[in-house]
Every structure is written in structure tokens, then in C-alpha cells.
Amino acid sequence: STKCLILTGGLHADENIVNIAKSKEIPIIVTSLDTFSVVDKIQNIMGKAILKEKDKAFKFKEIVAKEFDMESFLKELSL
């Protein structure tokens, strides 16, 4: 299902599209940037957001502490 419409290159949505989006409470973002630039910016934001989610970071730390065998890992690397 659609979560958001992003119109790049300064394009504007047709009135029918705007009405459908409003009725489904789907936000519309209009930008003068090209599609590639917008996708790149979204990927950069999403990558950083994942690391900033404290619950996920704590869960990751917990799993590593419980499951990861550092001694075997270093042995395999001959360190």
C-alpha cells in the first residue's frame, strides 16, 4: 500500500490524484530535485535512522553478547 507520493522534478499532481491521496490520508511531497537525488537522500536518512533506534541497538548488543564467540572468531582469523 502507498505510504507517500513523492513528485520529483518540480512536477505537480493532477487534481484527481490529490483528491484520492487526501481521501486515503497519503501525503504528497513535491520537490524540484531529480528522482536519483531524492532516492539517494532517502537512503542516507533511512540508513542513519536505523542506527539511531536505541531499542534495535540494545537488542543487537544483547544478541552479540549472548551468541557471538569472540575467541573462536579471532582464532579463525589467526589473530
PDB file of N, CA and C in Angstrom:
ATOM      1  N   SER A   1       0.839  -1.187   0.000  1.00  0.00           N
ATOM      2  CA  SER A   1       0.000   0.000   0.000  1.00  0.00           C
ATOM      3  C   SER A   1       0.881   1.246   0.000  1.00  0.00           C
ATOM      4  N   THR A   2       0.405   2.275  -0.594  1.00  0.00           N
ATOM      5  CA  THR A   2       1.161   3.522  -0.733  1.00  0.00           C
ATOM      6  C   THR A   2       1.191   4.275   0.587  1.00  0.00           C
ATOM      7  N   LYS A   3       2.380   4.680   1.000  1.00  0.00           N
ATOM      8  CA  LYS A   3       2.561   5.436   2.242  1.00  0.00           C
ATOM      9  C   LYS A   3       2.761   6.922   1.982  1.00  0.00           C
ATOM     10  N   CYS A   4       3.271   7.256   0.775  1.00  0.00           N
ATOM     11  CA  CYS A   4       3.582   8.642   0.449  1.00  0.00           C
ATOM     12  C   CYS A   4       3.814   8.751  -1.056  1.00  0.00           C
ATOM     13  N   LEU A   5       3.449   9.881  -1.626  1.00  0.00           N
ATOM     14  CA  LEU A   5       3.764  10.167  -3.027  1.00  0.00           C
ATOM     15  C   LEU A   5       4.845  11.236  -3.048  1.00  0.00           C
ATOM     16  N   ILE A   6       5.909  10.976  -3.780  1.00  0.00           N
ATOM     17  CA  ILE A   6       6.981  11.960  -3.929  1.00  0.00           C
ATOM     18  C   ILE A   6       7.081  12.302  -5.404  1.00  0.00           C
ATOM     19  N   LEU A   7       6.810  13.551  -5.712  1.00  0.00           N
ATOM     20  CA  LEU A   7       6.864  14.017  -7.096  1.00  0.00           C
ATOM     21  C   LEU A   7       8.147  14.808  -7.286  1.00  0.00           C
ATOM     22  N   THR A   8       8.996  14.330  -8.177  1.00  0.00           N
ATOM     23  CA  THR A   8      10.298  14.953  -8.396  1.00  0.00           C
ATOM     24  C   THR A   8      10.281  15.834  -9.636  1.00  0.00           C
ATOM     25  N   GLY A   9      11.331  16.612  -9.783  1.00  0.00           N
ATOM     26  CA  GLY A   9      11.469  17.465 -10.960  1.00  0.00           C
ATOM     27  C   GLY A   9      10.498  18.631 -10.984  1.00  0.00           C
ATOM     28  N   GLY A  10       9.929  18.974  -9.835  1.00  0.00           N
ATOM     29  CA  GLY A  10       9.007  20.100  -9.758  1.00  0.00           C
ATOM     30  C   GLY A  10       7.625  19.812 -10.324  1.00  0.00           C
ATOM     31  N   LEU A  11       7.327  18.546 -10.572  1.00  0.00           N
ATOM     32  CA  LEU A  11       6.013  18.179 -11.100  1.00  0.00           C
ATOM     33  C   LEU A  11       4.948  18.334 -10.021  1.00  0.00           C
ATOM     34  N   HIS A  12       3.723  18.587 -10.450  1.00  0.00           N
ATOM     35  CA  HIS A  12       2.597  18.683  -9.524  1.00  0.00           C
ATOM     36  C   HIS A  12       1.564  17.643  -9.903  1.00  0.00           C
ATOM     37  N   ALA A  13       0.894  17.112  -8.899  1.00  0.00           N
ATOM     38  CA  ALA A  13      -0.091  16.058  -9.128  1.00  0.00           C
ATOM     39  C   ALA A  13      -1.368  16.625  -9.730  1.00  0.00           C
ATOM     40  N   ASP A  14      -1.988  15.814 -10.553  1.00  0.00           N
ATOM     41  CA  ASP A  14      -3.302  16.113 -11.109  1.00  0.00           C
ATOM     42  C   ASP A  14      -4.305  16.220  -9.952  1.00  0.00           C
ATOM     43  N   GLU A  15      -5.318  17.040 -10.111  1.00  0.00           N
ATOM     44  CA  GLU A  15      -6.321  17.252  -9.061  1.00  0.00           C
ATOM     45  C   GLU A  15      -6.972  15.938  -8.611  1.00  0.00           C
ATOM     46  N   ASN A  16      -7.219  15.034  -9.547  1.00  0.00           N
ATOM     47  CA  ASN A  16      -7.815  13.738  -9.186  1.00  0.00           C
ATOM     48  C   ASN A  16      -6.886  12.943  -8.268  1.00  0.00           C
ATOM     49  N   ILE A  17      -5.599  12.972  -8.567  1.00  0.00           N
ATOM     50  CA  ILE A  17      -4.614  12.269  -7.739  1.00  0.00           C
ATOM     51  C   ILE A  17      -4.570  12.884  -6.343  1.00  0.00           C
ATOM     52  N   VAL A  18      -4.579  14.201  -6.283  1.00  0.00           N
ATOM     53  CA  VAL A  18      -4.562  14.898  -4.995  1.00  0.00           C
ATOM     54  C   VAL A  18      -5.788  14.505  -4.172  1.00  0.00           C
ATOM     55  N   ASN A  19      -6.949  14.463  -4.799  1.00  0.00           N
ATOM     56  CA  ASN A  19      -8.181  14.103  -4.088  1.00  0.00           C
ATOM     57  C   ASN A  19      -8.137  12.667  -3.566  1.00  0.00           C
ATOM     58  N   ILE A  20      -7.628  11.751  -4.375  1.00  0.00           N
ATOM     59  CA  ILE A  20      -7.512  10.355  -3.939  1.00  0.00           C
ATOM     60  C   ILE A  20      -6.537  10.256  -2.769  1.00  0.00           C
ATOM     61  N   ALA A  21      -5.397  10.943  -2.887  1.00  0.00           N
ATOM     62  CA  ALA A  21      -4.399  10.922  -1.813  1.00  0.00           C
ATOM     63  C   ALA A  21      -4.988  11.488  -0.519  1.00  0.00           C
ATOM     64  N   LYS A  22      -5.726  12.583  -0.624  1.00  0.00           N
ATOM     65  CA  LYS A  22      -6.354  13.177   0.564  1.00  0.00           C
ATOM     66  C   LYS A  22      -7.345  12.218   1.198  1.00  0.00           C
ATOM     67  N   SER A  23      -8.152  11.576   0.372  1.00  0.00           N
ATOM     68  CA  SER A  23      -9.170  10.663   0.908  1.00  0.00           C
ATOM     69  C   SER A  23      -8.544   9.464   1.617  1.00  0.00           C
ATOM     70  N   LYS A  24      -7.337   9.087   1.205  1.00  0.00           N
ATOM     71  CA  LYS A  24      -6.645   7.947   1.823  1.00  0.00           C
ATOM     72  C   LYS A  24      -5.588   8.398   2.828  1.00  0.00           C
ATOM     73  N   GLU A  25      -5.544   9.712   3.086  1.00  0.00           N
ATOM     74  CA  GLU A  25      -4.582  10.306   4.016  1.00  0.00           C
ATOM     75  C   GLU A  25      -3.140   9.971   3.647  1.00  0.00           C
ATOM     76  N   ILE A  26      -2.849  10.048   2.351  1.00  0.00           N
ATOM     77  CA  ILE A  26      -1.499   9.804   1.837  1.00  0.00           C
ATOM     78  C   ILE A  26      -0.846  11.160   1.566  1.00  0.00           C
ATOM     79  N   PRO A  27       0.269  11.450   2.229  1.00  0.00           N
ATOM     80  CA  PRO A  27       0.933  12.736   1.988  1.00  0.00           C
ATOM     81  C   PRO A  27       1.570  12.794   0.601  1.00  0.00           C
ATOM     82  N   ILE A  28       1.623  14.006   0.070  1.00  0.00           N
ATOM     83  CA  ILE A  28       2.269  14.248  -1.220  1.00  0.00           C
ATOM     84  C   ILE A  28       3.414  15.224  -0.977  1.00  0.00           C
ATOM     85  N   ILE A  29       4.602  14.842  -1.429  1.00  0.00           N
ATOM     86  CA  ILE A  29       5.780  15.703  -1.325  1.00  0.00           C
ATOM     87  C   ILE A  29       6.189  16.092  -2.737  1.00  0.00           C
ATOM     88  N   VAL A  30       6.371  17.392  -2.953  1.00  0.00           N
ATOM     89  CA  VAL A  30       6.798  17.895  -4.262  1.00  0.00           C
ATOM     90  C   VAL A  30       8.176  18.515  -4.090  1.00  0.00           C
ATOM     91  N   THR A  31       9.103  18.122  -4.962  1.00  0.00           N
ATOM     92  CA  THR A  31      10.461  18.659  -4.889  1.00  0.00           C
ATOM     93  C   THR A  31      10.983  18.966  -6.285  1.00  0.00           C
ATOM     94  N   SER A  32      11.859  19.939  -6.361  1.00  0.00           N
ATOM     95  CA  SER A  32      12.477  20.271  -7.648  1.00  0.00           C
ATOM     96  C   SER A  32      13.665  19.351  -7.948  1.00  0.00           C
ATOM     97  N   LEU A  33      14.085  18.564  -6.955  1.00  0.00           N
ATOM     98  CA  LEU A  33      15.205  17.640  -7.164  1.00  0.00           C
ATOM     99  C   LEU A  33      14.831  16.540  -8.152  1.00  0.00           C
ATOM    100  N   ASP A  34      15.860  15.951  -8.780  1.00  0.00           N
ATOM    101  CA  ASP A  34      15.618  14.826  -9.686  1.00  0.00           C
ATOM    102  C   ASP A  34      15.393  13.557  -8.866  1.00  0.00           C
ATOM    103  N   THR A  35      14.848  12.538  -9.499  1.00  0.00           N
ATOM    104  CA  THR A  35      14.492  11.289  -8.815  1.00  0.00           C
ATOM    105  C   THR A  35      15.693  10.637  -8.147  1.00  0.00           C
ATOM    106  N   PHE A  36      16.818  10.549  -8.847  1.00  0.00           N
ATOM    107  CA  PHE A  36      18.007   9.917  -8.275  1.00  0.00           C
ATOM    108  C   PHE A  36      18.445  10.619  -6.994  1.00  0.00           C
ATOM    109  N   SER A  37      18.461  11.945  -7.005  1.00  0.00           N
ATOM    110  CA  SER A  37      18.882  12.708  -5.824  1.00  0.00           C
ATOM    111  C   SER A  37      17.952  12.461  -4.644  1.00  0.00           C
ATOM    112  N   VAL A  38      16.665  12.387  -4.913  1.00  0.00           N
ATOM    113  CA  VAL A  38      15.692  12.143  -3.845  1.00  0.00           C
ATOM    114  C   VAL A  38      15.890  10.749  -3.252  1.00  0.00           C
ATOM    115  N   VAL A  39      16.043   9.749  -4.106  1.00  0.00           N
ATOM    116  CA  VAL A  39      16.263   8.380  -3.625  1.00  0.00           C
ATOM    117  C   VAL A  39      17.544   8.314  -2.804  1.00  0.00           C
ATOM    118  N   ASP A  40      18.592   8.965  -3.261  1.00  0.00           N
ATOM    119  CA  ASP A  40      19.863   8.984  -2.539  1.00  0.00           C
ATOM    120  C   ASP A  40      19.688   9.601  -1.154  1.00  0.00           C
ATOM    121  N   LYS A  41      18.980  10.709  -1.070  1.00  0.00           N
ATOM    122  CA  LYS A  41      18.753  11.369   0.217  1.00  0.00           C
ATOM    123  C   LYS A  41      17.925  10.494   1.157  1.00  0.00           C
ATOM    124  N   ILE A  42      16.911   9.843   0.622  1.00  0.00           N
ATOM    125  CA  ILE A  42      16.079   8.959   1.445  1.00  0.00           C
ATOM    126  C   ILE A  42      16.909   7.797   1.976  1.00  0.00           C
ATOM    127  N   GLN A  43      17.732   7.210   1.118  1.00  0.00           N
ATOM    128  CA  GLN A  43      18.580   6.097   1.563  1.00  0.00           C
ATOM    129  C   GLN A  43      19.547   6.539   2.653  1.00  0.00           C
ATOM    130  N   ASN A  44      20.108   7.728   2.520  1.00  0.00           N
ATOM    131  CA  ASN A  44      21.021   8.242   3.544  1.00  0.00           C
ATOM    132  C   ASN A  44      20.304   8.433   4.870  1.00  0.00           C
ATOM    133  N   ILE A  45      19.107   8.983   4.823  1.00  0.00           N
ATOM    134  CA  ILE A  45      18.334   9.214   6.043  1.00  0.00           C
ATOM    135  C   ILE A  45      17.938   7.894   6.688  1.00  0.00           C
ATOM    136  N   MET A  46      17.446   6.963   5.888  1.00  0.00           N
ATOM    137  CA  MET A  46      16.985   5.685   6.426  1.00  0.00           C
ATOM    138  C   MET A  46      18.137   4.890   7.028  1.00  0.00           C
ATOM    139  N   GLY A  47      19.286   4.917   6.398  1.00  0.00           N
ATOM    140  CA  GLY A  47      20.445   4.217   6.937  1.00  0.00           C
ATOM    141  C   GLY A  47      20.845   4.756   8.290  1.00  0.00           C
ATOM    142  N   LYS A  48      20.803   6.052   8.452  1.00  0.00           N
ATOM    143  CA  LYS A  48      21.153   6.670   9.725  1.00  0.00           C
ATOM    144  C   LYS A  48      20.071   6.434  10.764  1.00  0.00           C
ATOM    145  N   ALA A  49      18.830   6.453  10.337  1.00  0.00           N
ATOM    146  CA  ALA A  49      17.718   6.273  11.273  1.00  0.00           C
ATOM    147  C   ALA A  49      17.767   4.898  11.922  1.00  0.00           C
ATOM    148  N   ILE A  50      18.127   3.881  11.157  1.00  0.00           N
ATOM    149  CA  ILE A  50      18.186   2.529  11.697  1.00  0.00           C
ATOM    150  C   ILE A  50      19.198   2.459  12.842  1.00  0.00           C
ATOM    151  N   LEU A  51      20.338   3.122  12.662  1.00  0.00           N
ATOM    152  CA  LEU A  51      21.371   3.096  13.697  1.00  0.00           C
ATOM    153  C   LEU A  51      20.995   3.929  14.913  1.00  0.00           C
ATOM    154  N   LYS A  52      20.088   4.874  14.746  1.00  0.00           N
ATOM    155  CA  LYS A  52      19.701   5.742  15.847  1.00  0.00           C
ATOM    156  C   LYS A  52      18.573   5.158  16.694  1.00  0.00           C
ATOM    157  N   GLU A  53      17.996   4.065  16.269  1.00  0.00           N
ATOM    158  CA  GLU A  53      16.920   3.455  17.029  1.00  0.00           C
ATOM    159  C   GLU A  53      17.521   2.675  18.188  1.00  0.00           C
ATOM    160  N   LYS A  54      17.414   3.246  19.371  1.00  0.00           N
ATOM    161  CA  LYS A  54      18.078   2.696  20.550  1.00  0.00           C
ATOM    162  C   LYS A  54      17.645   1.269  20.856  1.00  0.00           C
ATOM    163  N   ASP A  55      16.361   0.988  20.715  1.00  0.00           N
ATOM    164  CA  ASP A  55      15.884  -0.366  21.027  1.00  0.00           C
ATOM    165  C   ASP A  55      16.581  -1.410  20.168  1.00  0.00           C
ATOM    166  N   LYS A  56      16.744  -1.107  18.886  1.00  0.00           N
ATOM    167  CA  LYS A  56      17.413  -2.045  17.981  1.00  0.00           C
ATOM    168  C   LYS A  56      18.887  -2.180  18.340  1.00  0.00           C
ATOM    169  N   ALA A  57      19.519  -1.075  18.682  1.00  0.00           N
ATOM    170  CA  ALA A  57      20.935  -1.112  19.045  1.00  0.00           C
ATOM    171  C   ALA A  57      21.147  -1.943  20.306  1.00  0.00           C
ATOM    172  N   PHE A  58      20.282  -1.762  21.301  1.00  0.00           N
ATOM    173  CA  PHE A  58      20.409  -2.539  22.532  1.00  0.00           C
ATOM    174  C   PHE A  58      20.143  -4.019  22.281  1.00  0.00           C
ATOM    175  N   LYS A  59      19.160  -4.325  21.444  1.00  0.00           N
ATOM    176  CA  LYS A  59      18.854  -5.718  21.123  1.00  0.00           C
ATOM    177  C   LYS A  59      20.035  -6.360  20.398  1.00  0.00           C
ATOM    178  N   PHE A  60      20.623  -5.629  19.459  1.00  0.00           N
ATOM    179  CA  PHE A  60      21.792  -6.122  18.731  1.00  0.00           C
ATOM    180  C   PHE A  60      22.932  -6.426  19.704  1.00  0.00           C
ATOM    181  N   LYS A  61      23.181  -5.498  20.614  1.00  0.00           N
ATOM    182  CA  LYS A  61      24.240  -5.690  21.609  1.00  0.00           C
ATOM    183  C   LYS A  61      23.961  -6.930  22.458  1.00  0.00           C
ATOM    184  N   GLU A  62      22.705  -7.100  22.846  1.00  0.00           N
ATOM    185  CA  GLU A  62      22.310  -8.244  23.659  1.00  0.00           C
ATOM    186  C   GLU A  62      22.540  -9.564  22.921  1.00  0.00           C
ATOM    187  N   ILE A  63      22.152  -9.610  21.662  1.00  0.00           N
ATOM    188  CA  ILE A  63      22.322 -10.829  20.859  1.00  0.00           C
ATOM    189  C   ILE A  63      23.801 -11.150  20.675  1.00  0.00           C
ATOM    190  N   VAL A  64      24.595 -10.131  20.357  1.00  0.00           N
ATOM    191  CA  VAL A  64      26.032 -10.346  20.163  1.00  0.00           C
ATOM    192  C   VAL A  64      26.664 -10.850  21.457  1.00  0.00           C
ATOM    193  N   ALA A  65      26.312 -10.226  22.579  1.00  0.00           N
ATOM    194  CA  ALA A  65      26.879 -10.643  23.863  1.00  0.00           C
ATOM    195  C   ALA A  65      26.521 -12.091  24.187  1.00  0.00           C
ATOM    196  N   LYS A  66      25.329 -12.493  23.821  1.00  0.00           N
ATOM    197  CA  LYS A  66      24.851 -13.843  24.142  1.00  0.00           C
ATOM    198  C   LYS A  66      25.355 -14.901  23.159  1.00  0.00           C
ATOM    199  N   GLU A  67      25.381 -14.566  21.872  1.00  0.00           N
ATOM    200  CA  GLU A  67      25.597 -15.572  20.834  1.00  0.00           C
ATOM    201  C   GLU A  67      26.974 -15.555  20.170  1.00  0.00           C
ATOM    202  N   PHE A  68      27.660 -14.426  20.201  1.00  0.00           N
ATOM    203  CA  PHE A  68      28.903 -14.298  19.451  1.00  0.00           C
ATOM    204  C   PHE A  68      30.080 -14.850  20.250  1.00  0.00           C
ATOM    205  N   ASP A  69      30.852 -15.731  19.639  1.00  0.00           N
ATOM    206  CA  ASP A  69      32.017 -16.332  20.277  1.00  0.00           C
ATOM    207  C   ASP A  69      33.276 -15.621  19.764  1.00  0.00           C
ATOM    208  N   MET A  70      33.705 -14.605  20.493  1.00  0.00           N
ATOM    209  CA  MET A  70      34.844 -13.792  20.074  1.00  0.00           C
ATOM    210  C   MET A  70      36.120 -14.620  19.977  1.00  0.00           C
ATOM    211  N   GLU A  71      36.332 -15.520  20.913  1.00  0.00           N
ATOM    212  CA  GLU A  71      37.545 -16.337  20.912  1.00  0.00           C
ATOM    213  C   GLU A  71      37.649 -17.172  19.634  1.00  0.00           C
ATOM    214  N   SER A  72      36.567 -17.828  19.246  1.00  0.00           N
ATOM    215  CA  SER A  72      36.562 -18.631  18.011  1.00  0.00           C
ATOM    216  C   SER A  72      36.731 -17.750  16.781  1.00  0.00           C
ATOM    217  N   PHE A  73      36.105 -16.598  16.806  1.00  0.00           N
ATOM    218  CA  PHE A  73      36.200 -15.658  15.693  1.00  0.00           C
ATOM    219  C   PHE A  73      37.649 -15.230  15.480  1.00  0.00           C
ATOM    220  N   LEU A  74      38.319 -14.830  16.548  1.00  0.00           N
ATOM    221  CA  LEU A  74      39.714 -14.398  16.448  1.00  0.00           C
ATOM    222  C   LEU A  74      40.625 -15.547  16.043  1.00  0.00           C
ATOM    223  N   LYS A  75      40.318 -16.741  16.530  1.00  0.00           N
ATOM    224  CA  LYS A  75      41.103 -17.922  16.173  1.00  0.00           C
ATOM    225  C   LYS A  75      41.000 -18.191  14.675  1.00  0.00           C
ATOM    226  N   GLU A  76      39.794 -18.086  14.122  1.00  0.00           N
ATOM    227  CA  GLU A  76      39.582 -18.298  12.685  1.00  0.00           C
ATOM    228  C   GLU A  76      40.352 -17.282  11.851  1.00  0.00           C
ATOM    229  N   LEU A  77      40.498 -16.078  12.380  1.00  0.00           N
ATOM    230  CA  LEU A  77      41.235 -15.027  11.672  1.00  0.00           C
ATOM    231  C   LEU A  77      42.734 -15.093  11.943  1.00  0.00           C
ATOM    232  N   SER A  78      43.131 -16.020  12.760  1.00  0.00           N
ATOM    233  CA  SER A  78      44.541 -16.176  13.173  1.00  0.00           C
ATOM    234  C   SER A  78      45.058 -14.932  13.873  1.00  0.00           C
ATOM    235  N   LEU A  79      44.241 -14.372  14.729  1.00  0.00           N
ATOM    236  CA  LEU A  79      44.639 -13.174  15.486  1.00  0.00           C
ATOM    237  C   LEU A  79      44.892 -13.499  16.934  1.00  0.00           C
TER     238      LEU A  79
END
